[in-house]
Amino acid sequence: MLNEHLFYGGILLCACSAGLAVILGSWYMVRKIKLNGKLDEEYGKEIKEK
């Protein structure tokens, strides 16, 4: 019984960690896109020189 609890507890912990990583990654990308939009509006688009 203890082995089953450890096994399923580990699976649950991994699933929660993966879900949280997806949520935080999405939140980061949304913030980055909004910030880039504000910076482009204020300073103009970035010109990449070679």
PDB file of N, CA and C in Angstrom:
ATOM      1  N   MET A   1       0.831  -1.197   0.000  1.00  0.00           N
ATOM      2  CA  MET A   1       0.000   0.000   0.000  1.00  0.00           C
ATOM      3  C   MET A   1       0.874   1.258   0.000  1.00  0.00           C
ATOM      4  N   LEU A   2       1.958   1.248   0.761  1.00  0.00           N
ATOM      5  CA  LEU A   2       2.840   2.409   0.809  1.00  0.00           C
ATOM      6  C   LEU A   2       3.473   2.657  -0.558  1.00  0.00           C
ATOM      7  N   ASN A   3       3.873   1.585  -1.229  1.00  0.00           N
ATOM      8  CA  ASN A   3       4.482   1.743  -2.555  1.00  0.00           C
ATOM      9  C   ASN A   3       3.511   2.379  -3.540  1.00  0.00           C
ATOM     10  N   GLU A   4       2.248   1.988  -3.470  1.00  0.00           N
ATOM     11  CA  GLU A   4       1.246   2.570  -4.362  1.00  0.00           C
ATOM     12  C   GLU A   4       1.054   4.049  -4.072  1.00  0.00           C
ATOM     13  N   HIS A   5       1.034   4.414  -2.788  1.00  0.00           N
ATOM     14  CA  HIS A   5       0.881   5.826  -2.440  1.00  0.00           C
ATOM     15  C   HIS A   5       2.062   6.646  -2.956  1.00  0.00           C
ATOM     16  N   LEU A   6       3.261   6.121  -2.806  1.00  0.00           N
ATOM     17  CA  LEU A   6       4.433   6.837  -3.302  1.00  0.00           C
ATOM     18  C   LEU A   6       4.402   6.957  -4.827  1.00  0.00           C
ATOM     19  N   PHE A   7       4.011   5.893  -5.501  1.00  0.00           N
ATOM     20  CA  PHE A   7       3.962   5.895  -6.963  1.00  0.00           C
ATOM     21  C   PHE A   7       2.939   6.897  -7.474  1.00  0.00           C
ATOM     22  N   TYR A   8       1.713   6.801  -6.985  1.00  0.00           N
ATOM     23  CA  TYR A   8       0.667   7.703  -7.472  1.00  0.00           C
ATOM     24  C   TYR A   8       0.884   9.135  -6.987  1.00  0.00           C
ATOM     25  N   GLY A   9       1.468   9.293  -5.814  1.00  0.00           N
ATOM     26  CA  GLY A   9       1.812  10.636  -5.338  1.00  0.00           C
ATOM     27  C   GLY A   9       2.859  11.283  -6.230  1.00  0.00           C
ATOM     28  N   GLY A  10       3.835  10.495  -6.670  1.00  0.00           N
ATOM     29  CA  GLY A  10       4.865  11.006  -7.575  1.00  0.00           C
ATOM     30  C   GLY A  10       4.295  11.385  -8.925  1.00  0.00           C
ATOM     31  N   ILE A  11       3.391  10.549  -9.431  1.00  0.00           N
ATOM     32  CA  ILE A  11       2.742  10.868 -10.711  1.00  0.00           C
ATOM     33  C   ILE A  11       1.930  12.154 -10.583  1.00  0.00           C
ATOM     34  N   LEU A  12       1.201  12.296  -9.490  1.00  0.00           N
ATOM     35  CA  LEU A  12       0.400  13.500  -9.262  1.00  0.00           C
ATOM     36  C   LEU A  12       1.289  14.734  -9.157  1.00  0.00           C
ATOM     37  N   LEU A  13       2.404  14.611  -8.460  1.00  0.00           N
ATOM     38  CA  LEU A  13       3.331  15.727  -8.320  1.00  0.00           C
ATOM     39  C   LEU A  13       3.917  16.126  -9.675  1.00  0.00           C
ATOM     40  N   CYS A  14       4.285  15.144 -10.484  1.00  0.00           N
ATOM     41  CA  CYS A  14       4.812  15.431 -11.828  1.00  0.00           C
ATOM     42  C   CYS A  14       3.759  16.105 -12.703  1.00  0.00           C
ATOM     43  N   ALA A  15       2.526  15.632 -12.626  1.00  0.00           N
ATOM     44  CA  ALA A  15       1.454  16.221 -13.432  1.00  0.00           C
ATOM     45  C   ALA A  15       1.192  17.664 -13.012  1.00  0.00           C
ATOM     46  N   CYS A  16       1.178  17.908 -11.711  1.00  0.00           N
ATOM     47  CA  CYS A  16       0.966  19.279 -11.219  1.00  0.00           C
ATOM     48  C   CYS A  16       2.114  20.189 -11.639  1.00  0.00           C
ATOM     49  N   SER A  17       3.332  19.690 -11.568  1.00  0.00           N
ATOM     50  CA  SER A  17       4.491  20.487 -11.972  1.00  0.00           C
ATOM     51  C   SER A  17       4.439  20.820 -13.460  1.00  0.00           C
ATOM     52  N   ALA A  18       4.074  19.846 -14.278  1.00  0.00           N
ATOM     53  CA  ALA A  18       3.979  20.088 -15.718  1.00  0.00           C
ATOM     54  C   ALA A  18       2.870  21.091 -16.030  1.00  0.00           C
ATOM     55  N   GLY A  19       1.738  20.965 -15.364  1.00  0.00           N
ATOM     56  CA  GLY A  19       0.641  21.906 -15.564  1.00  0.00           C
ATOM     57  C   GLY A  19       1.025  23.314 -15.159  1.00  0.00           C
ATOM     58  N   LEU A  20       1.707  23.443 -14.031  1.00  0.00           N
ATOM     59  CA  LEU A  20       2.149  24.750 -13.562  1.00  0.00           C
ATOM     60  C   LEU A  20       3.175  25.353 -14.518  1.00  0.00           C
ATOM     61  N   ALA A  21       4.053  24.523 -15.060  1.00  0.00           N
ATOM     62  CA  ALA A  21       5.045  25.015 -16.021  1.00  0.00           C
ATOM     63  C   ALA A  21       4.369  25.558 -17.276  1.00  0.00           C
ATOM     64  N   VAL A  22       3.337  24.885 -17.747  1.00  0.00           N
ATOM     65  CA  VAL A  22       2.603  25.356 -18.928  1.00  0.00           C
ATOM     66  C   VAL A  22       1.912  26.680 -18.629  1.00  0.00           C
ATOM     67  N   ILE A  23       1.272  26.778 -17.466  1.00  0.00           N
ATOM     68  CA  ILE A  23       0.561  28.007 -17.096  1.00  0.00           C
ATOM     69  C   ILE A  23       1.533  29.174 -16.961  1.00  0.00           C
ATOM     70  N   LEU A  24       2.640  28.961 -16.248  1.00  0.00           N
ATOM     71  CA  LEU A  24       3.602  30.048 -16.056  1.00  0.00           C
ATOM     72  C   LEU A  24       4.303  30.420 -17.364  1.00  0.00           C
ATOM     73  N   GLY A  25       4.574  29.435 -18.213  1.00  0.00           N
ATOM     74  CA  GLY A  25       5.171  29.731 -19.515  1.00  0.00           C
ATOM     75  C   GLY A  25       4.248  30.565 -20.381  1.00  0.00           C
ATOM     76  N   SER A  26       2.974  30.253 -20.356  1.00  0.00           N
ATOM     77  CA  SER A  26       1.988  31.026 -21.120  1.00  0.00           C
ATOM     78  C   SER A  26       1.893  32.446 -20.589  1.00  0.00           C
ATOM     79  N   TRP A  27       1.868  32.577 -19.274  1.00  0.00           N
ATOM     80  CA  TRP A  27       1.787  33.896 -18.639  1.00  0.00           C
ATOM     81  C   TRP A  27       3.006  34.740 -19.007  1.00  0.00           C
ATOM     82  N   TYR A  28       4.192  34.104 -19.023  1.00  0.00           N
ATOM     83  CA  TYR A  28       5.416  34.805 -19.387  1.00  0.00           C
ATOM     84  C   TYR A  28       5.349  35.305 -20.830  1.00  0.00           C
ATOM     85  N   MET A  29       4.884  34.452 -21.735  1.00  0.00           N
ATOM     86  CA  MET A  29       4.812  34.843 -23.143  1.00  0.00           C
ATOM     87  C   MET A  29       3.826  35.989 -23.356  1.00  0.00           C
ATOM     88  N   VAL A  30       2.690  35.962 -22.666  1.00  0.00           N
ATOM     89  CA  VAL A  30       1.704  37.038 -22.790  1.00  0.00           C
ATOM     90  C   VAL A  30       2.299  38.348 -22.294  1.00  0.00           C
ATOM     91  N   ARG A  31       2.989  38.311 -21.156  1.00  0.00           N
ATOM     92  CA  ARG A  31       3.613  39.529 -20.629  1.00  0.00           C
ATOM     93  C   ARG A  31       4.676  40.051 -21.582  1.00  0.00           C
ATOM     94  N   LYS A  32       5.462  39.150 -22.168  1.00  0.00           N
ATOM     95  CA  LYS A  32       6.513  39.556 -23.100  1.00  0.00           C
ATOM     96  C   LYS A  32       5.918  40.223 -24.332  1.00  0.00           C
ATOM     97  N   ILE A  33       4.851  39.657 -24.867  1.00  0.00           N
ATOM     98  CA  ILE A  33       4.205  40.224 -26.054  1.00  0.00           C
ATOM     99  C   ILE A  33       3.634  41.606 -25.743  1.00  0.00           C
ATOM    100  N   LYS A  34       2.985  41.748 -24.575  1.00  0.00           N
ATOM    101  CA  LYS A  34       2.427  43.054 -24.201  1.00  0.00           C
ATOM    102  C   LYS A  34       3.523  44.089 -24.010  1.00  0.00           C
ATOM    103  N   LEU A  35       4.622  43.700 -23.352  1.00  0.00           N
ATOM    104  CA  LEU A  35       5.717  44.631 -23.120  1.00  0.00           C
ATOM    105  C   LEU A  35       6.369  45.038 -24.435  1.00  0.00           C
ATOM    106  N   ASN A  36       6.576  44.086 -25.335  1.00  0.00           N
ATOM    107  CA  ASN A  36       7.154  44.424 -26.638  1.00  0.00           C
ATOM    108  C   ASN A  36       6.252  45.375 -27.408  1.00  0.00           C
ATOM    109  N   GLY A  37       4.944  45.199 -27.298  1.00  0.00           N
ATOM    110  CA  GLY A  37       4.011  46.115 -27.952  1.00  0.00           C
ATOM    111  C   GLY A  37       4.122  47.519 -27.398  1.00  0.00           C
ATOM    112  N   LYS A  38       4.213  47.631 -26.079  1.00  0.00           N
ATOM    113  CA  LYS A  38       4.350  48.952 -25.458  1.00  0.00           C
ATOM    114  C   LYS A  38       5.675  49.602 -25.835  1.00  0.00           C
ATOM    115  N   LEU A  39       6.750  48.810 -25.845  1.00  0.00           N
ATOM    116  CA  LEU A  39       8.053  49.364 -26.207  1.00  0.00           C
ATOM    117  C   LEU A  39       8.086  49.797 -27.669  1.00  0.00           C
ATOM    118  N   ASP A  40       7.473  49.017 -28.557  1.00  0.00           N
ATOM    119  CA  ASP A  40       7.403  49.405 -29.968  1.00  0.00           C
ATOM    120  C   ASP A  40       6.603  50.689 -30.133  1.00  0.00           C
ATOM    121  N   GLU A  41       5.535  50.829 -29.361  1.00  0.00           N
ATOM    122  CA  GLU A  41       4.703  52.029 -29.435  1.00  0.00           C
ATOM    123  C   GLU A  41       5.471  53.251 -28.953  1.00  0.00           C
ATOM    124  N   GLU A  42       6.263  53.074 -27.894  1.00  0.00           N
ATOM    125  CA  GLU A  42       6.959  54.210 -27.311  1.00  0.00           C
ATOM    126  C   GLU A  42       8.238  54.563 -28.074  1.00  0.00           C
ATOM    127  N   TYR A  43       9.009  53.558 -28.462  1.00  0.00           N
ATOM    128  CA  TYR A  43      10.321  53.807 -29.059  1.00  0.00           C
ATOM    129  C   TYR A  43      10.398  53.475 -30.540  1.00  0.00           C
ATOM    130  N   GLY A  44       9.382  52.905 -31.097  1.00  0.00           N
ATOM    131  CA  GLY A  44       9.419  52.496 -32.498  1.00  0.00           C
ATOM    132  C   GLY A  44       9.945  51.075 -32.621  1.00  0.00           C
ATOM    133  N   LYS A  45       9.759  50.522 -33.799  1.00  0.00           N
ATOM    134  CA  LYS A  45      10.201  49.140 -34.010  1.00  0.00           C
ATOM    135  C   LYS A  45      11.717  49.065 -34.020  1.00  0.00           C
ATOM    136  N   GLU A  46      12.221  47.933 -33.539  1.00  0.00           N
ATOM    137  CA  GLU A  46      13.661  47.713 -33.497  1.00  0.00           C
ATOM    138  C   GLU A  46      14.172  47.421 -34.907  1.00  0.00           C
ATOM    139  N   ILE A  47      15.242  48.098 -35.274  1.00  0.00           N
ATOM    140  CA  ILE A  47      15.861  47.878 -36.579  1.00  0.00           C
ATOM    141  C   ILE A  47      17.116  47.046 -36.353  1.00  0.00           C
ATOM    142  N   LYS A  48      17.150  45.881 -36.968  1.00  0.00           N
ATOM    143  CA  LYS A  48      18.307  45.006 -36.803  1.00  0.00           C
ATOM    144  C   LYS A  48      19.304  45.301 -37.915  1.00  0.00           C
ATOM    145  N   GLU A  49      20.511  45.678 -37.506  1.00  0.00           N
ATOM    146  CA  GLU A  49      21.569  45.971 -38.464  1.00  0.00           C
ATOM    147  C   GLU A  49      22.510  44.786 -38.541  1.00  0.00           C
ATOM    148  N   LYS A  50      23.024  44.552 -39.755  1.00  0.00           N
ATOM    149  CA  LYS A  50      23.972  43.439 -39.930  1.00  0.00           C
ATOM    150  C   LYS A  50      25.369  43.957 -40.088  1.00  0.00           C
TER     151      LYS A  50
END
